[in-house]
Amino acid sequence: MAPDGKAAENVTELKQDQSLEITKGIAEFAANLKFSDLPGEVVEGAKKSFMDTLGIGLAGSVEEAPNIVAGFVKDQGAKEVATVYGMSFKTSMPYAAWVNGISSDILGFSDICVEYVNHPSVTIVPALAALAEEKKPNGKDLITAHVLGDEVADNICNSLGPEFHLAGWHPLAVVNTLGGAIACGKVLGFDADQMANALGVASAEAAGMRGNDGSYSKAYGAGRSARDALYAALMTDRGYTGSKRILDVRDGFLCTFGAGVDGHQILETLGKPFDFIKPGMTYKAFPTCTRSHPGIFAAIQLKEKHGIDADAIEHVHCAVSPAVDRVLRFGIPENKWEGKYSLPYSVALALSKGKVVIKDVTDENARDPELRSLMAKIKMEVSPELAKHGFLPPHAPHGCHMTITMKDGTEYAFEQNRGPWEPATSPSFDDLAEKFRSCAELVLKDDQIEQAVEFCRDLENQDNIDPLMKMISG
């Protein structure tokens, strides 16, 4: 799409100004960051994110999509060095990152930086886990790399602005490739020059479109970015070159994906404070798109408070933010993958069952006549009140103002601006341990699950992650 208006001015600025040093600034930040620089709150956040991502990866490993890719990987006869979650085999580092990234994203259950609109961990954790089995970083180094990868991916994503999302790019498939390359570079001990080079190589891999939401290929973006982030770091380690000014030059990353936006804000926000502190990480309480979570939570609250019988509902009105309307594209879905991007499906599950859990997000429920009848009564439209605050209203980025009208004319209303596990109401480590158990029980024994939880709780004191990978191999 040709740039216009302010974007065109920025492209001209990039063309004329050869003194920009955004790539260098990111690379120096990455090379210099140490575990001792991380506040305790950041370390705790990284450990929660690491465990949560492993758990959803284990739950996702039973799905067809990662098993299709795993079958392909096995046929390639690659070197067996890295564990594939829950599938009882090893493969090469990039192949393991690929399969595990798909497993980690396929259920739509991963953490997200809502304000920056990115799911960083579904790329960063699989890439690091695969590399760590070969390179043996200790727990402190692994945490530092995880924080760094999230930080770089999220801040680059934030710099691109709403136009990046409206153009159809999927952030986790695009910016995570760069963040993942930096995280892997940290484990490999890269200096600033190598970090800059890794960003250049990774930019050659960055791609992914939202049009695949509702299919297996949405999760493919997470797996591909994990795989290619690892490739970018490993190729840099071997001397393969890329532009060391890829975020500065004309026709570089910011021009291509951001229509020439000025990325200097990246340097102003990296680690100031870390994203795990502000804006903070949102964890998913429900295995559906994050934009459906305020609607799900509102429905559950109304059902519990008023004892609502789904059969007695006349209709449900959901006034939502523009971002919700943009992404939740399916009205009455044909399968569970479309259902994850359908507010009527998610709200219908909440109103009929009083919860939304993995075992209920199924093709059978998407096609169930009674649920489909209820879905038809649930209407979504953009709220003028929320829209006046922009695409992602700061106070209610995924807000849902719900009104339920019963057949007897009674109305119940609830305004929910955020999901239940947002930064201000962040779950504890033990809360997420319960989520981990509910995911991991699909493939692991109870003693393996508890050992994995305790390993992650004490991650900063571990010598390497080999014992953990044995626990979760399945």
Foldseek 3Di string as FASTA:
>chain_A
DADDDPLQVLLVVLAVDPPDDPLLLLLQCLLPDFLVLDPPLLLQLLLLQLLLLLLQLLLLLVDPLLVVLVVVQVVVVADFQAFQFLAQGGHALLSSLLSSLLSSPVLQFHKDLLLLQERQSSQQNSLLRSLQSVLQAALSLLSSLSLQLVLQLSLVSNQLPPVLVVVFWRSLLASSLLSNLSSSLSSVSDHSQLNLFLSQQSNVRRGHGLVCQLHSCVSSSRSSSNSNSNVSNVVSVVPDGGDSCQVRHNVHDCCVRRSNGDSPVSSVPRPVPRVCQPVRMFGGPASAHQLLQLLLVQLLVCCVVPVDALVQFQAKEKAWALLLPVQLPDQQDQWLSNLSSYNLSSSLCCNHPSDHYDVCSTNCSSPPPVSSVSSVRYDYDHDPVNPVCPRQNPQARSKIWMWIAGNVGDIDIDTGRGHCCGRVNHDRLVVSLVVSCVSNVVRADPVLSVVLSVCSVPRNPGSGCVVNSVSRSD
